[in-house]
């Protein structure tokens, strides 16, 4: 398993996990149930807070970059929208967001940010209704309407289509 999902305020982003003992232990924990935590902005480059449990640390001097998901002190998770150098255990990287999109998704500068970590993408299309009221509207695999689809897999009129 090399993917995890982070959900904040109903928006979900995928994380590509690195392979180490910390991520293996995290995946085992997430296989039991999603993990909910509250994170806060700190230092102008991250949101962070307690996981509520410890993971094995493989700390190395690291310069975290925007999108990095980091374990700090074995029991805290840090989600970066800036960069910082410290001794961390790398867990993974948030997929496909620019720095400004990361700042928005991670609620940069805010406090008491509710975050859910899971192994399932709760924002993905779970079912397709055959109501067909949106003729000719394409939806992405994560359930978002797409105005000008490019190459990829979409749902249109209740059927999968590949462009």
N, C-alpha and C. Protein backbone atom coordinates (compact mmCIF):
# COMPACT_ATOMS: atom_id res chain seq x y z
N UNK A 1 0.86 -1.17 0.00
CA UNK A 1 0.00 0.00 0.00
C UNK A 1 0.90 1.23 0.00
N UNK A 2 0.79 2.06 -1.02
CA UNK A 2 1.65 3.24 -1.09
C UNK A 2 0.87 4.54 -1.13
N UNK A 3 -0.43 4.51 -0.82
CA UNK A 3 -1.26 5.72 -0.81
C UNK A 3 -1.97 5.86 0.52
N UNK A 4 -2.09 7.11 0.93
CA UNK A 4 -2.89 7.48 2.08
C UNK A 4 -3.67 8.71 1.62
N UNK A 5 -4.75 9.01 2.30
CA UNK A 5 -5.56 10.17 1.95
C UNK A 5 -5.71 11.08 3.16
N UNK A 6 -5.64 12.38 2.89
CA UNK A 6 -5.82 13.41 3.91
C UNK A 6 -7.09 14.17 3.54
N UNK A 7 -8.02 14.27 4.51
CA UNK A 7 -9.25 15.01 4.29
C UNK A 7 -9.31 16.17 5.27
N UNK A 8 -9.54 17.38 4.72
CA UNK A 8 -9.68 18.61 5.51
C UNK A 8 -10.89 19.34 4.96
N UNK A 9 -11.85 19.63 5.82
CA UNK A 9 -13.06 20.37 5.42
C UNK A 9 -13.73 19.77 4.18
N UNK A 10 -13.82 18.45 4.12
CA UNK A 10 -14.50 17.79 3.01
C UNK A 10 -13.69 17.65 1.74
N UNK A 11 -12.48 18.20 1.71
CA UNK A 11 -11.61 18.05 0.54
C UNK A 11 -10.57 16.98 0.85
N UNK A 12 -10.35 16.09 -0.10
CA UNK A 12 -9.43 14.97 0.10
C UNK A 12 -8.31 15.04 -0.92
N UNK A 13 -7.09 14.82 -0.45
CA UNK A 13 -5.92 14.76 -1.32
C UNK A 13 -5.17 13.47 -1.03
N UNK A 14 -4.59 12.90 -2.07
CA UNK A 14 -3.81 11.67 -1.90
C UNK A 14 -2.39 12.00 -1.51
N UNK A 15 -1.77 11.06 -0.82
CA UNK A 15 -0.38 11.16 -0.39
C UNK A 15 0.32 9.90 -0.87
N UNK A 16 1.43 10.06 -1.58
CA UNK A 16 2.26 8.92 -1.94
C UNK A 16 3.22 8.69 -0.78
N UNK A 17 3.12 7.51 -0.16
CA UNK A 17 3.94 7.19 1.01
C UNK A 17 5.31 6.67 0.59
N UNK A 18 6.32 6.98 1.40
CA UNK A 18 7.63 6.38 1.22
C UNK A 18 7.62 5.03 1.95
N UNK A 19 8.62 4.22 1.70
CA UNK A 19 8.67 2.91 2.35
C UNK A 19 9.66 2.96 3.51
N UNK A 20 9.14 2.87 4.72
CA UNK A 20 9.97 2.76 5.91
C UNK A 20 9.12 2.16 7.04
N UNK A 21 9.72 1.92 8.19
CA UNK A 21 9.00 1.28 9.30
C UNK A 21 7.89 2.18 9.84
N UNK A 22 8.07 3.49 9.77
CA UNK A 22 7.03 4.42 10.24
C UNK A 22 5.78 4.34 9.36
N UNK A 23 5.96 4.33 8.04
CA UNK A 23 4.78 4.25 7.17
C UNK A 23 4.12 2.88 7.26
N UNK A 24 4.90 1.84 7.42
CA UNK A 24 4.30 0.50 7.58
C UNK A 24 3.43 0.47 8.84
N UNK A 25 3.93 1.04 9.93
CA UNK A 25 3.15 1.07 11.18
C UNK A 25 1.92 1.97 11.03
N UNK A 26 2.06 3.08 10.31
CA UNK A 26 0.93 3.98 10.08
C UNK A 26 -0.15 3.28 9.25
N UNK A 27 0.24 2.58 8.20
CA UNK A 27 -0.72 1.87 7.36
C UNK A 27 -1.44 0.81 8.20
N UNK A 28 -0.71 0.08 9.06
CA UNK A 28 -1.34 -0.91 9.92
C UNK A 28 -2.40 -0.26 10.81
N UNK A 29 -2.09 0.92 11.35
CA UNK A 29 -3.04 1.65 12.20
C UNK A 29 -4.25 2.08 11.38
N UNK A 30 -4.02 2.59 10.16
CA UNK A 30 -5.11 3.06 9.32
C UNK A 30 -5.97 1.92 8.77
N UNK A 31 -5.42 0.71 8.72
CA UNK A 31 -6.22 -0.44 8.29
C UNK A 31 -7.29 -0.77 9.33
N UNK A 32 -7.04 -0.39 10.58
CA UNK A 32 -8.02 -0.61 11.64
C UNK A 32 -9.14 0.42 11.56
N UNK A 33 -8.76 1.69 11.33
CA UNK A 33 -9.75 2.78 11.25
C UNK A 33 -9.04 4.05 10.84
N UNK A 34 -9.76 4.99 10.21
CA UNK A 34 -9.17 6.31 9.93
C UNK A 34 -8.75 6.99 11.24
N UNK A 35 -7.78 7.89 11.12
CA UNK A 35 -7.28 8.63 12.29
C UNK A 35 -7.68 10.09 12.14
N UNK A 36 -8.35 10.61 13.15
CA UNK A 36 -8.73 12.03 13.18
C UNK A 36 -7.85 12.75 14.18
N UNK A 37 -7.41 13.94 13.81
CA UNK A 37 -6.59 14.75 14.69
C UNK A 37 -6.86 16.22 14.41
N UNK A 38 -6.38 17.06 15.30
CA UNK A 38 -6.49 18.51 15.12
C UNK A 38 -5.09 19.08 15.01
N UNK A 39 -4.83 19.81 13.92
CA UNK A 39 -3.52 20.38 13.66
C UNK A 39 -3.60 21.90 13.73
N UNK A 40 -2.43 22.53 13.96
CA UNK A 40 -2.33 23.98 14.03
C UNK A 40 -1.16 24.45 13.19
N UNK A 41 -1.27 25.66 12.67
CA UNK A 41 -0.16 26.26 11.91
C UNK A 41 0.96 26.63 12.87
N UNK A 42 2.17 26.55 12.35
CA UNK A 42 3.33 26.88 13.16
C UNK A 42 4.47 27.33 12.27
N UNK A 43 5.11 28.41 12.64
CA UNK A 43 6.33 28.85 11.96
C UNK A 43 6.15 29.33 10.54
N UNK A 44 4.94 29.38 10.03
CA UNK A 44 4.71 29.86 8.67
C UNK A 44 5.09 28.87 7.58
N UNK A 45 5.26 27.58 7.93
CA UNK A 45 5.65 26.61 6.92
C UNK A 45 4.95 25.26 7.05
N UNK A 46 4.12 25.05 8.09
CA UNK A 46 3.53 23.73 8.31
C UNK A 46 2.28 23.84 9.17
N UNK A 47 1.47 22.77 9.11
CA UNK A 47 0.49 22.53 10.15
C UNK A 47 0.93 21.24 10.81
N UNK A 48 0.77 21.15 12.11
CA UNK A 48 1.25 19.96 12.81
C UNK A 48 0.45 19.74 14.09
N UNK A 49 0.55 18.51 14.60
CA UNK A 49 -0.10 18.17 15.85
C UNK A 49 0.04 16.70 16.14
N UNK A 50 -0.54 16.27 17.26
CA UNK A 50 -0.38 14.88 17.71
C UNK A 50 -1.21 13.90 16.91
N UNK A 51 -0.61 12.73 16.66
CA UNK A 51 -1.34 11.63 16.03
C UNK A 51 -2.21 10.91 17.06
N UNK A 52 -1.79 10.94 18.33
CA UNK A 52 -2.49 10.19 19.37
C UNK A 52 -1.87 8.83 19.62
N UNK A 53 -0.78 8.55 18.95
CA UNK A 53 -0.02 7.30 19.11
C UNK A 53 1.38 7.54 18.56
N UNK A 54 2.29 6.64 18.87
CA UNK A 54 3.68 6.76 18.40
C UNK A 54 3.94 5.80 17.25
N UNK A 55 4.85 6.21 16.39
CA UNK A 55 5.33 5.39 15.28
C UNK A 55 6.84 5.25 15.41
N UNK A 56 7.43 4.22 14.81
CA UNK A 56 8.89 4.11 14.84
C UNK A 56 9.53 5.28 14.08
N UNK A 57 10.49 5.92 14.71
CA UNK A 57 11.15 7.06 14.08
C UNK A 57 12.41 6.60 13.35
N UNK A 58 12.63 7.16 12.17
CA UNK A 58 13.84 6.96 11.38
C UNK A 58 14.40 8.34 11.06
N UNK A 59 14.54 9.17 12.11
CA UNK A 59 14.90 10.58 11.91
C UNK A 59 16.23 10.74 11.18
N UNK A 60 16.21 11.68 10.24
CA UNK A 60 17.40 12.09 9.51
C UNK A 60 17.31 13.60 9.31
N UNK A 61 18.45 14.25 9.26
CA UNK A 61 18.45 15.68 8.95
C UNK A 61 17.83 15.84 7.56
N UNK A 62 16.74 16.60 7.50
CA UNK A 62 15.94 16.70 6.28
C UNK A 62 15.52 18.14 6.06
N UNK A 63 15.51 18.56 4.81
CA UNK A 63 14.87 19.83 4.47
C UNK A 63 13.52 19.49 3.86
N UNK A 64 12.48 19.67 4.67
CA UNK A 64 11.12 19.39 4.21
C UNK A 64 10.72 20.45 3.19
N UNK A 65 9.97 20.02 2.19
CA UNK A 65 9.51 20.89 1.10
C UNK A 65 7.98 20.95 1.11
N UNK A 66 7.40 21.92 0.42
CA UNK A 66 5.94 21.98 0.34
C UNK A 66 5.35 20.65 -0.14
N UNK A 67 4.35 20.18 0.58
CA UNK A 67 3.70 18.91 0.26
C UNK A 67 4.21 17.73 1.06
N UNK A 68 5.36 17.89 1.73
CA UNK A 68 5.90 16.78 2.50
C UNK A 68 5.02 16.48 3.70
N UNK A 69 4.89 15.18 3.98
CA UNK A 69 4.20 14.69 5.17
C UNK A 69 5.28 14.04 6.03
N UNK A 70 5.43 14.56 7.25
CA UNK A 70 6.59 14.24 8.07
C UNK A 70 6.13 13.78 9.45
N UNK A 71 6.88 12.83 10.04
CA UNK A 71 6.71 12.42 11.43
C UNK A 71 7.74 13.18 12.26
N UNK A 72 7.27 13.79 13.35
CA UNK A 72 8.15 14.56 14.23
C UNK A 72 8.02 14.01 15.64
N UNK A 73 9.15 13.72 16.28
CA UNK A 73 9.18 13.20 17.65
C UNK A 73 8.31 11.95 17.82
N UNK A 74 8.25 11.11 16.82
CA UNK A 74 7.56 9.82 16.84
C UNK A 74 6.04 9.87 16.94
N UNK A 75 5.47 11.00 17.37
CA UNK A 75 4.03 11.00 17.62
C UNK A 75 3.29 12.20 17.06
N UNK A 76 3.98 13.05 16.31
CA UNK A 76 3.35 14.22 15.71
C UNK A 76 3.45 14.15 14.20
N UNK A 77 2.40 14.60 13.53
CA UNK A 77 2.42 14.65 12.07
C UNK A 77 2.53 16.11 11.64
N UNK A 78 3.36 16.36 10.64
CA UNK A 78 3.57 17.71 10.09
C UNK A 78 3.23 17.66 8.61
N UNK A 79 2.41 18.59 8.17
CA UNK A 79 2.05 18.72 6.75
C UNK A 79 2.58 20.07 6.29
N UNK A 80 3.53 20.05 5.37
CA UNK A 80 4.26 21.25 5.00
C UNK A 80 3.66 21.99 3.82
N UNK A 81 3.56 23.32 3.94
CA UNK A 81 3.23 24.20 2.82
C UNK A 81 4.39 25.13 2.52
N UNK A 82 5.46 25.04 3.29
CA UNK A 82 6.71 25.77 3.09
C UNK A 82 7.85 24.79 3.28
N UNK A 83 9.04 25.29 3.63
CA UNK A 83 10.15 24.37 3.86
C UNK A 83 10.82 24.68 5.19
N UNK A 84 11.47 23.66 5.73
CA UNK A 84 12.18 23.77 7.00
C UNK A 84 13.16 22.62 7.12
N UNK A 85 14.31 22.88 7.73
CA UNK A 85 15.30 21.83 7.96
C UNK A 85 15.30 21.41 9.42
N UNK A 86 15.24 20.10 9.65
CA UNK A 86 15.23 19.56 10.99
C UNK A 86 15.44 18.06 10.89
N UNK A 87 15.50 17.39 12.00
CA UNK A 87 15.63 15.94 12.02
C UNK A 87 14.22 15.33 12.06
N UNK A 88 13.80 14.77 10.93
CA UNK A 88 12.45 14.25 10.76
C UNK A 88 12.49 12.82 10.22
N UNK A 89 11.33 12.18 10.27
CA UNK A 89 11.10 10.92 9.56
C UNK A 89 10.10 11.22 8.45
N UNK A 90 10.51 11.03 7.22
CA UNK A 90 9.64 11.31 6.08
C UNK A 90 8.59 10.20 5.95
N UNK A 91 7.33 10.62 5.79
CA UNK A 91 6.24 9.66 5.59
C UNK A 91 5.77 9.63 4.14
N UNK A 92 5.75 10.78 3.49
CA UNK A 92 5.28 10.82 2.11
C UNK A 92 5.15 12.24 1.60
N UNK A 93 4.44 12.38 0.48
CA UNK A 93 4.26 13.68 -0.15
C UNK A 93 2.84 13.78 -0.70
N UNK A 94 2.20 14.93 -0.43
CA UNK A 94 0.87 15.20 -0.97
C UNK A 94 0.99 15.34 -2.48
N UNK A 95 0.13 14.64 -3.20
CA UNK A 95 0.22 14.58 -4.66
C UNK A 95 -0.41 15.79 -5.35
N UNK A 96 0.33 16.35 -6.32
CA UNK A 96 -0.23 17.22 -7.34
C UNK A 96 -0.74 18.60 -6.98
N UNK A 97 -0.34 19.19 -5.86
CA UNK A 97 -0.80 20.54 -5.54
C UNK A 97 0.35 21.53 -5.61
N UNK A 98 0.07 22.71 -6.16
CA UNK A 98 1.05 23.79 -6.17
C UNK A 98 1.19 24.33 -4.75
N UNK A 99 2.18 25.20 -4.52
CA UNK A 99 2.35 25.79 -3.19
C UNK A 99 1.13 26.57 -2.75
N UNK A 100 0.53 27.34 -3.65
CA UNK A 100 -0.66 28.11 -3.26
C UNK A 100 -1.84 27.18 -2.99
N UNK A 101 -1.98 26.11 -3.76
CA UNK A 101 -3.05 25.15 -3.51
C UNK A 101 -2.84 24.42 -2.18
N UNK A 102 -1.57 24.12 -1.86
CA UNK A 102 -1.25 23.50 -0.57
C UNK A 102 -1.63 24.42 0.59
N UNK A 103 -1.27 25.70 0.47
CA UNK A 103 -1.59 26.67 1.53
C UNK A 103 -3.10 26.72 1.76
N UNK A 104 -3.86 26.69 0.69
CA UNK A 104 -5.31 26.73 0.80
C UNK A 104 -5.84 25.42 1.40
N UNK A 105 -5.43 24.29 0.86
CA UNK A 105 -5.89 22.99 1.34
C UNK A 105 -5.54 22.78 2.80
N UNK A 106 -4.33 23.15 3.20
CA UNK A 106 -3.85 22.93 4.57
C UNK A 106 -4.28 24.04 5.53
N UNK A 107 -5.01 25.03 5.03
CA UNK A 107 -5.53 26.12 5.89
C UNK A 107 -4.37 26.85 6.59
N UNK A 108 -3.35 27.19 5.81
CA UNK A 108 -2.14 27.84 6.33
C UNK A 108 -2.51 29.05 7.20
N UNK A 109 -1.89 29.12 8.37
CA UNK A 109 -2.11 30.23 9.28
C UNK A 109 -3.29 30.05 10.23
N UNK A 110 -4.09 29.02 10.03
CA UNK A 110 -5.27 28.81 10.87
C UNK A 110 -4.95 27.89 12.04
N UNK A 111 -5.87 27.82 12.98
CA UNK A 111 -5.73 26.96 14.16
C UNK A 111 -6.89 25.97 14.20
N UNK A 112 -6.69 24.90 14.94
CA UNK A 112 -7.72 23.89 15.15
C UNK A 112 -8.29 23.35 13.84
N UNK A 113 -7.39 22.85 12.99
CA UNK A 113 -7.75 22.31 11.68
C UNK A 113 -8.04 20.82 11.83
N UNK A 114 -9.28 20.42 11.58
CA UNK A 114 -9.64 19.01 11.67
C UNK A 114 -9.12 18.25 10.47
N UNK A 115 -8.36 17.19 10.73
CA UNK A 115 -7.72 16.41 9.67
C UNK A 115 -8.04 14.93 9.88
N UNK A 116 -8.39 14.24 8.79
CA UNK A 116 -8.62 12.80 8.84
C UNK A 116 -7.63 12.13 7.90
N UNK A 117 -6.91 11.14 8.42
CA UNK A 117 -5.99 10.32 7.64
C UNK A 117 -6.68 8.98 7.40
N UNK A 118 -6.66 8.50 6.17
CA UNK A 118 -7.32 7.24 5.86
C UNK A 118 -6.64 6.54 4.69
N UNK A 119 -7.05 5.31 4.47
CA UNK A 119 -6.54 4.55 3.32
C UNK A 119 -7.54 4.53 2.18
N UNK A 120 -8.72 5.12 2.40
CA UNK A 120 -9.73 5.18 1.34
C UNK A 120 -10.03 6.62 1.00
N UNK A 121 -10.23 6.87 -0.28
CA UNK A 121 -10.55 8.22 -0.74
C UNK A 121 -12.05 8.42 -0.60
N UNK A 122 -12.45 9.04 0.49
CA UNK A 122 -13.88 9.24 0.74
C UNK A 122 -14.51 10.21 -0.24
N UNK A 123 -13.70 11.00 -0.96
CA UNK A 123 -14.25 11.96 -1.92
C UNK A 123 -14.45 11.34 -3.29
N UNK A 124 -13.95 10.12 -3.50
CA UNK A 124 -14.09 9.48 -4.81
C UNK A 124 -15.54 9.10 -5.06
N UNK A 125 -15.88 8.89 -6.31
CA UNK A 125 -17.22 8.46 -6.66
C UNK A 125 -17.45 7.08 -6.06
N UNK A 126 -18.48 6.96 -5.23
CA UNK A 126 -18.82 5.68 -4.62
C UNK A 126 -19.90 4.96 -5.42
N UNK A 127 -20.88 5.71 -5.93
CA UNK A 127 -21.95 5.13 -6.74
C UNK A 127 -22.27 6.09 -7.86
N UNK A 128 -22.91 5.57 -8.91
CA UNK A 128 -23.33 6.41 -10.02
C UNK A 128 -24.84 6.30 -10.10
N UNK A 129 -25.53 7.43 -9.97
CA UNK A 129 -26.98 7.45 -10.13
C UNK A 129 -27.30 7.56 -11.61
N UNK A 130 -28.40 6.96 -12.01
CA UNK A 130 -28.78 6.97 -13.41
C UNK A 130 -29.83 8.05 -13.67
N UNK A 131 -29.73 9.20 -12.97
CA UNK A 131 -30.71 10.27 -13.11
C UNK A 131 -30.55 11.05 -14.40
N UNK A 132 -29.42 11.08 -14.96
CA UNK A 132 -29.11 11.71 -16.25
C UNK A 132 -29.68 13.11 -16.42
N UNK A 133 -29.70 13.88 -15.35
CA UNK A 133 -30.16 15.27 -15.47
C UNK A 133 -29.03 16.17 -15.96
N UNK A 134 -27.80 15.68 -15.89
CA UNK A 134 -26.64 16.48 -16.30
C UNK A 134 -26.08 15.96 -17.62
N UNK A 135 -26.89 15.83 -18.63
CA UNK A 135 -26.39 15.33 -19.90
C UNK A 135 -25.18 16.11 -20.34
N UNK A 136 -24.21 15.38 -20.84
CA UNK A 136 -22.97 15.94 -21.39
C UNK A 136 -22.05 16.55 -20.35
N UNK A 137 -22.32 16.38 -19.04
CA UNK A 137 -21.39 16.84 -18.02
C UNK A 137 -20.46 15.68 -17.69
N UNK A 138 -19.15 15.94 -17.72
CA UNK A 138 -18.16 14.93 -17.36
C UNK A 138 -17.76 15.15 -15.90
N UNK A 139 -17.54 14.04 -15.20
CA UNK A 139 -17.08 14.09 -13.82
C UNK A 139 -15.75 13.36 -13.72
N UNK A 140 -14.84 13.92 -12.92
CA UNK A 140 -13.56 13.25 -12.68
C UNK A 140 -13.79 12.05 -11.76
N UNK A 141 -12.80 11.21 -11.62
CA UNK A 141 -12.91 10.03 -10.78
C UNK A 141 -13.16 10.42 -9.33
N UNK A 142 -12.71 11.60 -8.89
CA UNK A 142 -12.97 12.03 -7.52
C UNK A 142 -14.30 12.76 -7.37
N UNK A 143 -15.17 12.72 -8.44
CA UNK A 143 -16.52 13.21 -8.34
C UNK A 143 -16.73 14.68 -8.64
N UNK A 144 -15.72 15.35 -9.17
CA UNK A 144 -15.82 16.77 -9.46
C UNK A 144 -16.21 16.99 -10.92
N UNK A 145 -17.15 17.93 -11.19
CA UNK A 145 -17.49 18.23 -12.59
C UNK A 145 -16.28 18.80 -13.33
N UNK A 146 -16.12 18.41 -14.59
CA UNK A 146 -14.99 18.86 -15.40
C UNK A 146 -15.55 19.55 -16.63
N UNK A 147 -15.25 20.83 -16.78
CA UNK A 147 -15.78 21.61 -17.89
C UNK A 147 -15.13 21.28 -19.22
N UNK A 148 -13.81 21.20 -19.25
CA UNK A 148 -13.07 20.91 -20.47
C UNK A 148 -12.14 19.73 -20.23
N UNK A 149 -12.67 18.50 -20.32
CA UNK A 149 -11.84 17.34 -20.01
C UNK A 149 -10.70 17.18 -21.00
N UNK A 150 -9.56 16.75 -20.47
CA UNK A 150 -8.40 16.40 -21.29
C UNK A 150 -8.26 14.89 -21.23
N UNK A 151 -7.10 14.36 -21.59
CA UNK A 151 -6.90 12.92 -21.53
C UNK A 151 -7.12 12.41 -20.12
N UNK A 152 -7.82 11.28 -19.98
CA UNK A 152 -8.05 10.69 -18.68
C UNK A 152 -9.32 9.86 -18.66
N UNK A 153 -9.71 9.45 -17.45
CA UNK A 153 -10.91 8.64 -17.25
C UNK A 153 -11.96 9.53 -16.58
N UNK A 154 -13.17 9.51 -17.13
CA UNK A 154 -14.26 10.35 -16.63
C UNK A 154 -15.54 9.53 -16.55
N UNK A 155 -16.54 10.09 -15.87
CA UNK A 155 -17.89 9.52 -15.85
C UNK A 155 -18.79 10.52 -16.56
N UNK A 156 -19.50 10.04 -17.58
CA UNK A 156 -20.39 10.89 -18.37
C UNK A 156 -21.67 10.12 -18.62
N UNK A 157 -22.82 10.73 -18.31
CA UNK A 157 -24.11 10.09 -18.50
C UNK A 157 -24.16 8.71 -17.83
N UNK A 158 -23.54 8.61 -16.65
CA UNK A 158 -23.58 7.37 -15.89
C UNK A 158 -22.66 6.28 -16.38
N UNK A 159 -21.78 6.59 -17.35
CA UNK A 159 -20.87 5.58 -17.89
C UNK A 159 -19.45 6.10 -17.86
N UNK A 160 -18.53 5.17 -17.68
CA UNK A 160 -17.11 5.50 -17.73
C UNK A 160 -16.73 5.81 -19.17
N UNK A 161 -15.96 6.89 -19.35
CA UNK A 161 -15.43 7.18 -20.68
C UNK A 161 -13.96 7.53 -20.54
N UNK A 162 -13.20 7.13 -21.55
CA UNK A 162 -11.75 7.35 -21.56
C UNK A 162 -11.44 8.26 -22.73
N UNK A 163 -10.80 9.38 -22.43
CA UNK A 163 -10.41 10.32 -23.50
C UNK A 163 -8.92 10.19 -23.75
